[in-house]
């Protein structure tokens, strides 16, 4: 088998190639993308080929090319690959050689990669997410414009009556033009967002795991589908701490000796899923008494922002165990209540 360590860039790639039987370096070369040099090189390779790259920006064309040719593509954890190099000198040739050495030594930190169909569904969620953020930005500007004229309606500003009040405001020429164009853009966004919401709902209803997650208060089709597509097979994670770390909801830590210091969350994960979980907290705490009690306690001690992040982490852990155990929300709550009752009985018997 031919083993290739590839340092991939947007316009070119640097490769180092060796045979896995002899581990002898056969080739070091720079391949241009736009001229078709890289395509021609990989099409000319015969037999089994394994290519290793660092996890980087989306490289769908490269993955598709290797898949069509029957070559393997291994994607590695960038931070662990960097940590395995002790020298301070960094060049494209060194990076390609490092990846090749890790592949030959069977120490390449390979990570899970979603299937092309799931990756395309992620584009659906990301597209909806960006449009919703744009809609929020437009609404905030209209709120500011209305409040500058003494009109404060909050969410009611975007009802039929609220929009009529907004349009009836007497504004200066440029402010009036800004109002009209913002309202026009907001109207244009509503239709595609509704279509995307319907597409997400249909896709979520086709998945049993997503339907199960949607039984939890605050978890809708967008949250459920985004969570599933982000984490992949739930068996990849040994426990709930792993899932919290994967989503960037675990606290950073700087501890030494007897001193332990925890900081803010790491944010080393999917930003969209983390944002969706934090947004879901507002609905979950209204309907789940346990989460509401935890939220109020943390809000009193640490403030609103810390409480929301903590409850978002609890939501992620609950969703993880729902997938692991195959239980819906009612079964999950029943199990938690029974375990809590068992602990109370044991503690009372020991007194």
C-alpha atoms as a PDB file:
ATOM      1  CA  UNK A   1       0.000   0.000   0.000  1.00  0.00           C
ATOM      2  CA  UNK A   2       1.184   3.519  -0.785  1.00  0.00           C
ATOM      3  CA  UNK A   3       1.011   5.898   2.177  1.00  0.00           C
ATOM      4  CA  UNK A   4       0.834   9.630   1.519  1.00  0.00           C
ATOM      5  CA  UNK A   5       1.176  12.401   4.060  1.00  0.00           C
ATOM      6  CA  UNK A   6      -0.531  15.489   2.651  1.00  0.00           C
ATOM      7  CA  UNK A   7      -0.290  19.077   3.857  1.00  0.00           C
ATOM      8  CA  UNK A   8      -3.385  20.466   2.129  1.00  0.00           C
ATOM      9  CA  UNK A   9      -3.839  24.123   1.212  1.00  0.00           C
ATOM     10  CA  UNK A  10      -6.503  25.912  -0.800  1.00  0.00           C
ATOM     11  CA  UNK A  11      -4.451  26.212  -4.016  1.00  0.00           C
ATOM     12  CA  UNK A  12      -1.848  23.479  -3.634  1.00  0.00           C
ATOM     13  CA  UNK A  13      -0.741  20.564  -1.496  1.00  0.00           C
ATOM     14  CA  UNK A  14       2.627  19.258  -0.348  1.00  0.00           C
ATOM     15  CA  UNK A  15       2.919  15.462  -0.219  1.00  0.00           C
ATOM     16  CA  UNK A  16       5.373  12.887   1.083  1.00  0.00           C
ATOM     17  CA  UNK A  17       4.844   9.309  -0.172  1.00  0.00           C
ATOM     18  CA  UNK A  18       6.246   5.980   1.039  1.00  0.00           C
ATOM     19  CA  UNK A  19       5.568   2.259   0.762  1.00  0.00           C
ATOM     20  CA  UNK A  20       4.137   0.757   3.951  1.00  0.00           C
ATOM     21  CA  UNK A  21       6.229  -2.434   3.599  1.00  0.00           C
ATOM     22  CA  UNK A  22       9.650  -0.794   3.409  1.00  0.00           C
ATOM     23  CA  UNK A  23       8.800   2.637   4.911  1.00  0.00           C
ATOM     24  CA  UNK A  24      11.156   4.060   2.282  1.00  0.00           C
ATOM     25  CA  UNK A  25      10.469   7.602   1.170  1.00  0.00           C
ATOM     26  CA  UNK A  26       9.528   7.456  -2.503  1.00  0.00           C
ATOM     27  CA  UNK A  27       8.517  11.000  -3.318  1.00  0.00           C
ATOM     28  CA  UNK A  28       8.273  14.535  -1.983  1.00  0.00           C
ATOM     29  CA  UNK A  29       6.373  16.903  -4.228  1.00  0.00           C
ATOM     30  CA  UNK A  30       4.182  19.970  -4.427  1.00  0.00           C
ATOM     31  CA  UNK A  31       0.942  19.542  -6.405  1.00  0.00           C
ATOM     32  CA  UNK A  32      -1.017  22.446  -7.852  1.00  0.00           C
ATOM     33  CA  UNK A  33      -4.818  22.302  -7.728  1.00  0.00           C
ATOM     34  CA  UNK A  34      -6.015  24.786 -10.354  1.00  0.00           C
ATOM     35  CA  UNK A  35      -3.878  23.375 -13.165  1.00  0.00           C
ATOM     36  CA  UNK A  36      -5.191  19.830 -12.574  1.00  0.00           C
ATOM     37  CA  UNK A  37      -1.793  18.538 -11.494  1.00  0.00           C
ATOM     38  CA  UNK A  38      -3.166  17.034  -8.271  1.00  0.00           C
ATOM     39  CA  UNK A  39      -6.033  15.303 -10.117  1.00  0.00           C
ATOM     40  CA  UNK A  40      -3.653  13.789 -12.647  1.00  0.00           C
ATOM     41  CA  UNK A  41      -1.254  12.592  -9.931  1.00  0.00           C
ATOM     42  CA  UNK A  42      -3.875  10.691  -7.926  1.00  0.00           C
ATOM     43  CA  UNK A  43      -5.484   9.229 -11.061  1.00  0.00           C
ATOM     44  CA  UNK A  44      -2.106   7.794 -12.074  1.00  0.00           C
ATOM     45  CA  UNK A  45      -1.600   5.909  -8.795  1.00  0.00           C
ATOM     46  CA  UNK A  46      -2.173   2.150  -8.952  1.00  0.00           C
ATOM     47  CA  UNK A  47      -3.130  -0.264  -6.169  1.00  0.00           C
ATOM     48  CA  UNK A  48      -4.115   0.630  -2.628  1.00  0.00           C
ATOM     49  CA  UNK A  49      -3.476   4.210  -1.537  1.00  0.00           C
ATOM     50  CA  UNK A  50      -4.023   5.830   1.851  1.00  0.00           C
ATOM     51  CA  UNK A  51      -3.846   9.621   2.187  1.00  0.00           C
ATOM     52  CA  UNK A  52      -3.679  11.392   5.543  1.00  0.00           C
ATOM     53  CA  UNK A  53      -4.514  15.081   6.074  1.00  0.00           C
ATOM     54  CA  UNK A  54      -5.152  17.374   9.008  1.00  0.00           C
ATOM     55  CA  UNK A  55      -8.731  18.356   9.804  1.00  0.00           C
ATOM     56  CA  UNK A  56      -9.114  21.681   8.070  1.00  0.00           C
ATOM     57  CA  UNK A  57     -11.650  23.669   6.089  1.00  0.00           C
ATOM     58  CA  UNK A  58     -14.163  21.660   4.003  1.00  0.00           C
ATOM     59  CA  UNK A  59     -12.338  19.823   1.215  1.00  0.00           C
ATOM     60  CA  UNK A  60     -15.270  18.072  -0.409  1.00  0.00           C
ATOM     61  CA  UNK A  61     -13.663  18.061  -3.854  1.00  0.00           C
ATOM     62  CA  UNK A  62     -10.586  16.223  -2.550  1.00  0.00           C
ATOM     63  CA  UNK A  63     -12.636  13.690  -0.625  1.00  0.00           C
ATOM     64  CA  UNK A  64     -14.862  13.129  -3.667  1.00  0.00           C
ATOM     65  CA  UNK A  65     -11.830  12.679  -5.942  1.00  0.00           C
ATOM     66  CA  UNK A  66     -10.228  10.060  -3.712  1.00  0.00           C
ATOM     67  CA  UNK A  67     -13.554   8.284  -3.253  1.00  0.00           C
ATOM     68  CA  UNK A  68     -14.074   8.017  -7.016  1.00  0.00           C
ATOM     69  CA  UNK A  69     -10.583   6.560  -7.432  1.00  0.00           C
ATOM     70  CA  UNK A  70     -11.004   4.079  -4.576  1.00  0.00           C
ATOM     71  CA  UNK A  71      -8.282   5.649  -2.406  1.00  0.00           C
ATOM     72  CA  UNK A  72      -8.606   5.954   1.375  1.00  0.00           C
ATOM     73  CA  UNK A  73      -8.705   9.357   3.028  1.00  0.00           C
ATOM     74  CA  UNK A  74      -7.865   9.605   6.720  1.00  0.00           C
ATOM     75  CA  UNK A  75      -8.552  12.884   8.507  1.00  0.00           C
ATOM     76  CA  UNK A  76      -6.519  13.552  11.655  1.00  0.00           C
ATOM     77  CA  UNK A  77      -6.902  15.712  14.743  1.00  0.00           C
ATOM     78  CA  UNK A  78      -4.897  18.874  13.996  1.00  0.00           C
ATOM     79  CA  UNK A  79      -4.014  19.645  17.611  1.00  0.00           C
ATOM     80  CA  UNK A  80      -2.698  16.134  18.297  1.00  0.00           C
ATOM     81  CA  UNK A  81      -0.695  16.133  15.072  1.00  0.00           C
ATOM     82  CA  UNK A  82       0.868  19.470  16.031  1.00  0.00           C
ATOM     83  CA  UNK A  83       1.607  18.198  19.542  1.00  0.00           C
ATOM     84  CA  UNK A  84       3.587  15.250  18.162  1.00  0.00           C
ATOM     85  CA  UNK A  85       6.155  17.602  16.587  1.00  0.00           C
ATOM     86  CA  UNK A  86       8.743  18.952  19.010  1.00  0.00           C
ATOM     87  CA  UNK A  87      10.754  21.106  16.623  1.00  0.00           C
ATOM     88  CA  UNK A  88       9.985  24.783  16.298  1.00  0.00           C
ATOM     89  CA  UNK A  89      10.652  24.893  12.552  1.00  0.00           C
ATOM     90  CA  UNK A  90       7.435  24.580  10.541  1.00  0.00           C
ATOM     91  CA  UNK A  91       7.336  24.194   6.773  1.00  0.00           C
ATOM     92  CA  UNK A  92       5.012  22.462   4.345  1.00  0.00           C
ATOM     93  CA  UNK A  93       7.610  19.750   3.749  1.00  0.00           C
ATOM     94  CA  UNK A  94       7.957  19.081   7.487  1.00  0.00           C
ATOM     95  CA  UNK A  95       4.179  18.963   7.942  1.00  0.00           C
ATOM     96  CA  UNK A  96       3.733  16.430   5.135  1.00  0.00           C
ATOM     97  CA  UNK A  97       6.615  14.313   6.448  1.00  0.00           C
ATOM     98  CA  UNK A  98       5.187  14.407   9.971  1.00  0.00           C
ATOM     99  CA  UNK A  99       1.798  13.124   8.782  1.00  0.00           C
ATOM    100  CA  UNK A 100       3.554  10.402   6.788  1.00  0.00           C
ATOM    101  CA  UNK A 101       5.599   9.305   9.832  1.00  0.00           C
ATOM    102  CA  UNK A 102       2.466   9.101  11.981  1.00  0.00           C
ATOM    103  CA  UNK A 103       0.693   7.000   9.355  1.00  0.00           C
ATOM    104  CA  UNK A 104       3.635   4.603   9.019  1.00  0.00           C
ATOM    105  CA  UNK A 105       4.023   4.285  12.803  1.00  0.00           C
ATOM    106  CA  UNK A 106       0.254   3.674  13.180  1.00  0.00           C
ATOM    107  CA  UNK A 107      -0.008   6.669  15.508  1.00  0.00           C
ATOM    108  CA  UNK A 108      -2.076   8.851  13.222  1.00  0.00           C
ATOM    109  CA  UNK A 109      -4.870  10.459  15.339  1.00  0.00           C
ATOM    110  CA  UNK A 110      -7.722   9.640  12.958  1.00  0.00           C
ATOM    111  CA  UNK A 111     -11.075  11.261  13.694  1.00  0.00           C
ATOM    112  CA  UNK A 112     -14.616  10.395  12.683  1.00  0.00           C
ATOM    113  CA  UNK A 113     -15.956  12.016   9.520  1.00  0.00           C
ATOM    114  CA  UNK A 114     -19.636  12.130   8.511  1.00  0.00           C
ATOM    115  CA  UNK A 115     -20.949  10.553   5.332  1.00  0.00           C
ATOM    116  CA  UNK A 116     -21.511  12.866   2.328  1.00  0.00           C
ATOM    117  CA  UNK A 117     -25.309  12.729   2.775  1.00  0.00           C
ATOM    118  CA  UNK A 118     -25.050  13.779   6.427  1.00  0.00           C
ATOM    119  CA  UNK A 119     -22.573  16.492   5.535  1.00  0.00           C
ATOM    120  CA  UNK A 120     -25.079  17.881   3.046  1.00  0.00           C
ATOM    121  CA  UNK A 121     -27.773  17.900   5.755  1.00  0.00           C
ATOM    122  CA  UNK A 122     -25.396  19.936   7.878  1.00  0.00           C
ATOM    123  CA  UNK A 123     -25.440  22.527   5.103  1.00  0.00           C
ATOM    124  CA  UNK A 124     -29.221  22.704   5.471  1.00  0.00           C
ATOM    125  CA  UNK A 125     -28.874  23.461   9.175  1.00  0.00           C
ATOM    126  CA  UNK A 126     -26.041  25.929   8.706  1.00  0.00           C
ATOM    127  CA  UNK A 127     -27.958  27.758   5.975  1.00  0.00           C
ATOM    128  CA  UNK A 128     -31.014  28.058   8.201  1.00  0.00           C
ATOM    129  CA  UNK A 129     -28.861  29.135  11.132  1.00  0.00           C
ATOM    130  CA  UNK A 130     -27.225  31.945   9.143  1.00  0.00           C
ATOM    131  CA  UNK A 131     -30.547  33.192   7.807  1.00  0.00           C
ATOM    132  CA  UNK A 132     -32.058  33.212  11.301  1.00  0.00           C
ATOM    133  CA  UNK A 133     -29.087  35.208  12.590  1.00  0.00           C
ATOM    134  CA  UNK A 134     -29.559  37.676   9.724  1.00  0.00           C
ATOM    135  CA  UNK A 135     -33.249  37.970  10.606  1.00  0.00           C
ATOM    136  CA  UNK A 136     -32.361  38.643  14.235  1.00  0.00           C
ATOM    137  CA  UNK A 137     -29.908  41.337  13.161  1.00  0.00           C
ATOM    138  CA  UNK A 138     -32.575  43.039  11.036  1.00  0.00           C
ATOM    139  CA  UNK A 139     -35.103  42.862  13.869  1.00  0.00           C
ATOM    140  CA  UNK A 140     -32.632  44.383  16.307  1.00  0.00           C
ATOM    141  CA  UNK A 141     -32.058  47.319  13.964  1.00  0.00           C
ATOM    142  CA  UNK A 142     -35.787  47.883  13.618  1.00  0.00           C
ATOM    143  CA  UNK A 143     -36.177  47.681  17.402  1.00  0.00           C
ATOM    144  CA  UNK A 144     -33.518  50.353  17.805  1.00  0.00           C
ATOM    145  CA  UNK A 145     -35.165  52.529  15.175  1.00  0.00           C
ATOM    146  CA  UNK A 146     -38.581  52.212  16.849  1.00  0.00           C
ATOM    147  CA  UNK A 147     -37.248  52.856  20.350  1.00  0.00           C
ATOM    148  CA  UNK A 148     -35.509  56.007  19.162  1.00  0.00           C
ATOM    149  CA  UNK A 149     -39.013  57.311  18.377  1.00  0.00           C
ATOM    150  CA  UNK A 150     -40.487  56.203  21.711  1.00  0.00           C
ATOM    151  CA  UNK A 151     -42.127  53.025  20.370  1.00  0.00           C
ATOM    152  CA  UNK A 152     -41.278  49.933  22.480  1.00  0.00           C
ATOM    153  CA  UNK A 153     -43.243  46.800  21.560  1.00  0.00           C
ATOM    154  CA  UNK A 154     -40.598  44.067  21.886  1.00  0.00           C
ATOM    155  CA  UNK A 155     -41.760  40.976  19.945  1.00  0.00           C
ATOM    156  CA  UNK A 156     -45.141  42.579  19.243  1.00  0.00           C
ATOM    157  CA  UNK A 157     -43.353  45.005  16.972  1.00  0.00           C
ATOM    158  CA  UNK A 158     -43.378  42.330  14.252  1.00  0.00           C
ATOM    159  CA  UNK A 159     -47.060  41.496  14.473  1.00  0.00           C
ATOM    160  CA  UNK A 160     -49.459  43.016  11.940  1.00  0.00           C
ATOM    161  CA  UNK A 161     -50.419  45.777  14.368  1.00  0.00           C
ATOM    162  CA  UNK A 162     -46.825  46.420  15.418  1.00  0.00           C
ATOM    163  CA  UNK A 163     -45.603  46.754  11.840  1.00  0.00           C
ATOM    164  CA  UNK A 164     -48.410  49.183  11.116  1.00  0.00           C
ATOM    165  CA  UNK A 165     -47.308  51.308  14.079  1.00  0.00           C
ATOM    166  CA  UNK A 166     -43.694  51.144  12.911  1.00  0.00           C
ATOM    167  CA  UNK A 167     -44.585  52.248   9.388  1.00  0.00           C
ATOM    168  CA  UNK A 168     -46.749  55.082  10.715  1.00  0.00           C
ATOM    169  CA  UNK A 169     -43.804  56.692  12.519  1.00  0.00           C
ATOM    170  CA  UNK A 170     -42.778  60.072  11.154  1.00  0.00           C
ATOM    171  CA  UNK A 171     -39.078  59.782  10.319  1.00  0.00           C
ATOM    172  CA  UNK A 172     -36.467  61.871   8.560  1.00  0.00           C
ATOM    173  CA  UNK A 173     -35.799  60.946   4.907  1.00  0.00           C
ATOM    174  CA  UNK A 174     -32.793  58.683   5.412  1.00  0.00           C
ATOM    175  CA  UNK A 175     -34.227  57.052   8.529  1.00  0.00           C
ATOM    176  CA  UNK A 176     -37.436  56.416   6.606  1.00  0.00           C
ATOM    177  CA  UNK A 177     -35.492  54.798   3.779  1.00  0.00           C
ATOM    178  CA  UNK A 178     -33.612  52.629   6.271  1.00  0.00           C
ATOM    179  CA  UNK A 179     -36.909  51.493   7.814  1.00  0.00           C
ATOM    180  CA  UNK A 180     -38.428  50.558   4.454  1.00  0.00           C
ATOM    181  CA  UNK A 181     -35.384  48.623   3.262  1.00  0.00           C
ATOM    182  CA  UNK A 182     -35.011  46.752   6.556  1.00  0.00           C
ATOM    183  CA  UNK A 183     -38.664  45.751   6.465  1.00  0.00           C
ATOM    184  CA  UNK A 184     -38.279  44.642   2.848  1.00  0.00           C
ATOM    185  CA  UNK A 185     -35.246  42.489   3.677  1.00  0.00           C
ATOM    186  CA  UNK A 186     -37.041  41.028   6.691  1.00  0.00           C
ATOM    187  CA  UNK A 187     -40.026  40.070   4.538  1.00  0.00           C
ATOM    188  CA  UNK A 188     -37.731  38.440   1.978  1.00  0.00           C
ATOM    189  CA  UNK A 189     -36.119  36.279   4.663  1.00  0.00           C
ATOM    190  CA  UNK A 190     -39.357  34.935   6.119  1.00  0.00           C
ATOM    191  CA  UNK A 191     -40.276  32.694   3.176  1.00  0.00           C
ATOM    192  CA  UNK A 192     -36.939  30.806   2.827  1.00  0.00           C
ATOM    193  CA  UNK A 193     -36.688  30.356   6.601  1.00  0.00           C
ATOM    194  CA  UNK A 194     -40.169  28.786   6.676  1.00  0.00           C
ATOM    195  CA  UNK A 195     -39.198  26.451   3.823  1.00  0.00           C
ATOM    196  CA  UNK A 196     -36.010  25.425   5.612  1.00  0.00           C
ATOM    197  CA  UNK A 197     -37.915  24.861   8.864  1.00  0.00           C
ATOM    198  CA  UNK A 198     -40.282  22.532   7.024  1.00  0.00           C
ATOM    199  CA  UNK A 199     -37.382  20.638   5.449  1.00  0.00           C
ATOM    200  CA  UNK A 200     -35.726  20.213   8.853  1.00  0.00           C
ATOM    201  CA  UNK A 201     -38.997  18.989  10.383  1.00  0.00           C
ATOM    202  CA  UNK A 202     -39.517  16.400   7.640  1.00  0.00           C
ATOM    203  CA  UNK A 203     -35.955  15.120   7.963  1.00  0.00           C
ATOM    204  CA  UNK A 204     -36.196  14.930  11.761  1.00  0.00           C
ATOM    205  CA  UNK A 205     -39.473  13.007  11.620  1.00  0.00           C
ATOM    206  CA  UNK A 206     -37.827  10.391   9.408  1.00  0.00           C
ATOM    207  CA  UNK A 207     -35.267   9.611  12.138  1.00  0.00           C
ATOM    208  CA  UNK A 208     -36.367   7.654  15.207  1.00  0.00           C
ATOM    209  CA  UNK A 209     -33.571   9.106  17.331  1.00  0.00           C
ATOM    210  CA  UNK A 210     -34.607  12.654  16.457  1.00  0.00           C
ATOM    211  CA  UNK A 211     -38.249  11.916  17.297  1.00  0.00           C
ATOM    212  CA  UNK A 212     -37.107  10.526  20.648  1.00  0.00           C
ATOM    213  CA  UNK A 213     -35.059  13.630  21.429  1.00  0.00           C
ATOM    214  CA  UNK A 214     -37.982  15.877  20.512  1.00  0.00           C
ATOM    215  CA  UNK A 215     -39.991  14.442  23.412  1.00  0.00           C
ATOM    216  CA  UNK A 216     -37.740  16.463  25.753  1.00  0.00           C
ATOM    217  CA  UNK A 217     -39.107  19.946  26.584  1.00  0.00           C
ATOM    218  CA  UNK A 218     -37.293  22.655  24.669  1.00  0.00           C
ATOM    219  CA  UNK A 219     -35.846  20.300  22.058  1.00  0.00           C
ATOM    220  CA  UNK A 220     -37.387  20.843  18.649  1.00  0.00           C
ATOM    221  CA  UNK A 221     -36.550  19.387  15.237  1.00  0.00           C
ATOM    222  CA  UNK A 222     -33.685  21.817  14.640  1.00  0.00           C
ATOM    223  CA  UNK A 223     -31.965  21.019  17.966  1.00  0.00           C
ATOM    224  CA  UNK A 224     -32.540  17.269  17.616  1.00  0.00           C
ATOM    225  CA  UNK A 225     -31.275  17.012  14.033  1.00  0.00           C
ATOM    226  CA  UNK A 226     -28.286  19.283  14.666  1.00  0.00           C
ATOM    227  CA  UNK A 227     -27.288  17.240  17.724  1.00  0.00           C
ATOM    228  CA  UNK A 228     -27.486  13.948  15.820  1.00  0.00           C
ATOM    229  CA  UNK A 229     -25.548  15.188  12.813  1.00  0.00           C
ATOM    230  CA  UNK A 230     -22.898  16.785  15.015  1.00  0.00           C
ATOM    231  CA  UNK A 231     -22.039  13.880  17.296  1.00  0.00           C
ATOM    232  CA  UNK A 232     -22.534  11.018  14.829  1.00  0.00           C
ATOM    233  CA  UNK A 233     -22.698   7.503  16.323  1.00  0.00           C
ATOM    234  CA  UNK A 234     -23.342   7.916  20.031  1.00  0.00           C
ATOM    235  CA  UNK A 235     -21.158   4.879  20.810  1.00  0.00           C
ATOM    236  CA  UNK A 236     -18.118   7.011  19.965  1.00  0.00           C
ATOM    237  CA  UNK A 237     -18.400   8.617  23.402  1.00  0.00           C
ATOM    238  CA  UNK A 238     -17.594   6.636  26.525  1.00  0.00           C
ATOM    239  CA  UNK A 239     -19.572   8.894  28.845  1.00  0.00           C
ATOM    240  CA  UNK A 240     -21.404  12.160  29.286  1.00  0.00           C
ATOM    241  CA  UNK A 241     -18.205  14.083  30.085  1.00  0.00           C
ATOM    242  CA  UNK A 242     -16.922  13.245  26.620  1.00  0.00           C
ATOM    243  CA  UNK A 243     -20.018  14.659  24.946  1.00  0.00           C
ATOM    244  CA  UNK A 244     -19.792  17.884  26.978  1.00  0.00           C
ATOM    245  CA  UNK A 245     -16.145  18.237  25.999  1.00  0.00           C
ATOM    246  CA  UNK A 246     -16.899  17.498  22.338  1.00  0.00           C
ATOM    247  CA  UNK A 247     -19.463  20.292  22.232  1.00  0.00           C
ATOM    248  CA  UNK A 248     -17.183  22.752  24.040  1.00  0.00           C
ATOM    249  CA  UNK A 249     -19.457  23.012  27.094  1.00  0.00           C
ATOM    250  CA  UNK A 250     -16.874  21.792  29.605  1.00  0.00           C
ATOM    251  CA  UNK A 251     -14.884  24.319  31.687  1.00  0.00           C
ATOM    252  CA  UNK A 252     -11.242  24.951  30.964  1.00  0.00           C
ATOM    253  CA  UNK A 253      -8.881  23.939  33.747  1.00  0.00           C
ATOM    254  CA  UNK A 254      -5.498  25.069  35.016  1.00  0.00           C
ATOM    255  CA  UNK A 255      -4.640  22.906  38.008  1.00  0.00           C
ATOM    256  CA  UNK A 256      -1.342  22.131  39.637  1.00  0.00           C
ATOM    257  CA  UNK A 257      -0.658  20.295  42.867  1.00  0.00           C
ATOM    258  CA  UNK A 258      -3.385  20.963  45.423  1.00  0.00           C
ATOM    259  CA  UNK A 259      -4.625  24.017  43.539  1.00  0.00           C
ATOM    260  CA  UNK A 260      -7.502  23.543  41.133  1.00  0.00           C
ATOM    261  CA  UNK A 261      -8.710  26.377  38.942  1.00  0.00           C
ATOM    262  CA  UNK A 262     -11.638  26.156  36.529  1.00  0.00           C
ATOM    263  CA  UNK A 263     -12.291  28.815  33.914  1.00  0.00           C
ATOM    264  CA  UNK A 264     -14.844  29.551  31.209  1.00  0.00           C
ATOM    265  CA  UNK A 265     -16.104  26.867  28.833  1.00  0.00           C
ATOM    266  CA  UNK A 266     -13.632  25.695  26.199  1.00  0.00           C
ATOM    267  CA  UNK A 267     -15.866  26.425  23.160  1.00  0.00           C
ATOM    268  CA  UNK A 268     -13.945  23.731  21.267  1.00  0.00           C
ATOM    269  CA  UNK A 269     -16.846  22.325  19.344  1.00  0.00           C
ATOM    270  CA  UNK A 270     -19.652  22.974  16.925  1.00  0.00           C
ATOM    271  CA  UNK A 271     -20.649  26.602  17.516  1.00  0.00           C
ATOM    272  CA  UNK A 272     -24.100  26.159  15.987  1.00  0.00           C
ATOM    273  CA  UNK A 273     -25.056  23.188  18.201  1.00  0.00           C
ATOM    274  CA  UNK A 274     -23.751  24.967  21.299  1.00  0.00           C
ATOM    275  CA  UNK A 275     -25.757  28.100  20.402  1.00  0.00           C
ATOM    276  CA  UNK A 276     -28.902  26.042  19.779  1.00  0.00           C
ATOM    277  CA  UNK A 277     -28.584  24.263  23.124  1.00  0.00           C
ATOM    278  CA  UNK A 278     -28.197  27.544  24.992  1.00  0.00           C
ATOM    279  CA  UNK A 279     -31.237  28.955  23.181  1.00  0.00           C
ATOM    280  CA  UNK A 280     -33.236  25.823  24.094  1.00  0.00           C
ATOM    281  CA  UNK A 281     -32.625  26.473  27.809  1.00  0.00           C
ATOM    282  CA  UNK A 282     -35.277  29.218  27.898  1.00  0.00           C
ATOM    283  CA  UNK A 283     -38.001  26.780  26.828  1.00  0.00           C
ATOM    284  CA  UNK A 284     -36.716  23.775  28.783  1.00  0.00           C
ATOM    285  CA  UNK A 285     -36.651  25.494  32.187  1.00  0.00           C
ATOM    286  CA  UNK A 286     -40.272  26.571  31.793  1.00  0.00           C
ATOM    287  CA  UNK A 287     -41.512  22.998  31.385  1.00  0.00           C
ATOM    288  CA  UNK A 288     -39.060  20.841  33.339  1.00  0.00           C
ATOM    289  CA  UNK A 289     -39.240  21.416  37.137  1.00  0.00           C
ATOM    290  CA  UNK A 290     -35.815  19.882  37.844  1.00  0.00           C
ATOM    291  CA  UNK A 291     -34.047  22.029  35.274  1.00  0.00           C
ATOM    292  CA  UNK A 292     -35.967  25.094  36.470  1.00  0.00           C
ATOM    293  CA  UNK A 293     -34.864  24.493  40.046  1.00  0.00           C
ATOM    294  CA  UNK A 294     -31.219  24.056  38.989  1.00  0.00           C
ATOM    295  CA  UNK A 295     -31.418  27.138  36.794  1.00  0.00           C
ATOM    296  CA  UNK A 296     -32.832  29.346  39.554  1.00  0.00           C
ATOM    297  CA  UNK A 297     -30.228  28.124  42.038  1.00  0.00           C
ATOM    298  CA  UNK A 298     -27.319  28.758  39.649  1.00  0.00           C
ATOM    299  CA  UNK A 299     -28.748  32.091  38.545  1.00  0.00           C
ATOM    300  CA  UNK A 300     -28.866  33.271  42.164  1.00  0.00           C
ATOM    301  CA  UNK A 301     -25.283  32.126  42.827  1.00  0.00           C
ATOM    302  CA  UNK A 302     -23.449  32.774  39.537  1.00  0.00           C
ATOM    303  CA  UNK A 303     -25.679  34.883  37.323  1.00  0.00           C
ATOM    304  CA  UNK A 304     -27.911  34.403  34.308  1.00  0.00           C
ATOM    305  CA  UNK A 305     -25.205  33.618  31.699  1.00  0.00           C
ATOM    306  CA  UNK A 306     -23.457  30.934  33.749  1.00  0.00           C
ATOM    307  CA  UNK A 307     -26.782  29.333  34.611  1.00  0.00           C
ATOM    308  CA  UNK A 308     -27.800  29.097  30.951  1.00  0.00           C
ATOM    309  CA  UNK A 309     -24.537  27.419  29.970  1.00  0.00           C
ATOM    310  CA  UNK A 310     -24.786  24.956  32.854  1.00  0.00           C
ATOM    311  CA  UNK A 311     -28.340  23.965  31.917  1.00  0.00           C
ATOM    312  CA  UNK A 312     -27.289  23.655  28.264  1.00  0.00           C
ATOM    313  CA  UNK A 313     -24.653  21.162  29.414  1.00  0.00           C
ATOM    314  CA  UNK A 314     -27.319  19.252  31.344  1.00  0.00           C
ATOM    315  CA  UNK A 315     -29.493  19.194  28.228  1.00  0.00           C
ATOM    316  CA  UNK A 316     -26.626  17.769  26.174  1.00  0.00           C
ATOM    317  CA  UNK A 317     -26.014  15.075  28.802  1.00  0.00           C
ATOM    318  CA  UNK A 318     -29.704  14.182  28.895  1.00  0.00           C
ATOM    319  CA  UNK A 319     -29.868  13.931  25.100  1.00  0.00           C
ATOM    320  CA  UNK A 320     -26.785  11.732  25.132  1.00  0.00           C
ATOM    321  CA  UNK A 321     -28.307   9.294  27.619  1.00  0.00           C
ATOM    322  CA  UNK A 322     -31.600   9.260  25.753  1.00  0.00           C
ATOM    323  CA  UNK A 323     -29.707   8.102  22.673  1.00  0.00           C
ATOM    324  CA  UNK A 324     -27.571   5.599  24.593  1.00  0.00           C
ATOM    325  CA  UNK A 325     -30.477   4.019  26.453  1.00  0.00           C
ATOM    326  CA  UNK A 326     -33.165   4.396  23.793  1.00  0.00           C
ATOM    327  CA  UNK A 327     -35.465   6.074  26.347  1.00  0.00           C
ATOM    328  CA  UNK A 328     -37.765   9.001  25.664  1.00  0.00           C
ATOM    329  CA  UNK A 329     -38.229  11.933  28.022  1.00  0.00           C
ATOM    330  CA  UNK A 330     -40.934  10.276  30.173  1.00  0.00           C
ATOM    331  CA  UNK A 331     -38.792   7.173  30.706  1.00  0.00           C
ATOM    332  CA  UNK A 332     -35.723   9.286  31.452  1.00  0.00           C
ATOM    333  CA  UNK A 333     -37.552  11.293  34.136  1.00  0.00           C
ATOM    334  CA  UNK A 334     -39.023   8.114  35.617  1.00  0.00           C
ATOM    335  CA  UNK A 335     -35.561   6.562  35.903  1.00  0.00           C
ATOM    336  CA  UNK A 336     -34.134   9.703  37.482  1.00  0.00           C
ATOM    337  CA  UNK A 337     -36.966   9.838  40.016  1.00  0.00           C
ATOM    338  CA  UNK A 338     -36.528   6.170  40.926  1.00  0.00           C
ATOM    339  CA  UNK A 339     -32.761   6.510  41.352  1.00  0.00           C
ATOM    340  CA  UNK A 340     -33.238   9.613  43.499  1.00  0.00           C
ATOM    341  CA  UNK A 341     -35.772   7.772  45.656  1.00  0.00           C
ATOM    342  CA  UNK A 342     -33.391   4.844  46.049  1.00  0.00           C
ATOM    343  CA  UNK A 343     -30.617   7.150  47.218  1.00  0.00           C
ATOM    344  CA  UNK A 344     -32.939   8.838  49.704  1.00  0.00           C
ATOM    345  CA  UNK A 345     -34.041   5.471  51.125  1.00  0.00           C
ATOM    346  CA  UNK A 346     -30.463   4.319  51.506  1.00  0.00           C
ATOM    347  CA  UNK A 347     -29.396   7.539  53.211  1.00  0.00           C
ATOM    348  CA  UNK A 348     -32.365   7.484  55.591  1.00  0.00           C
ATOM    349  CA  UNK A 349     -31.709   3.851  56.559  1.00  0.00           C
ATOM    350  CA  UNK A 350     -28.132   4.671  57.537  1.00  0.00           C
ATOM    351  CA  UNK A 351     -29.134   7.442  59.923  1.00  0.00           C
END
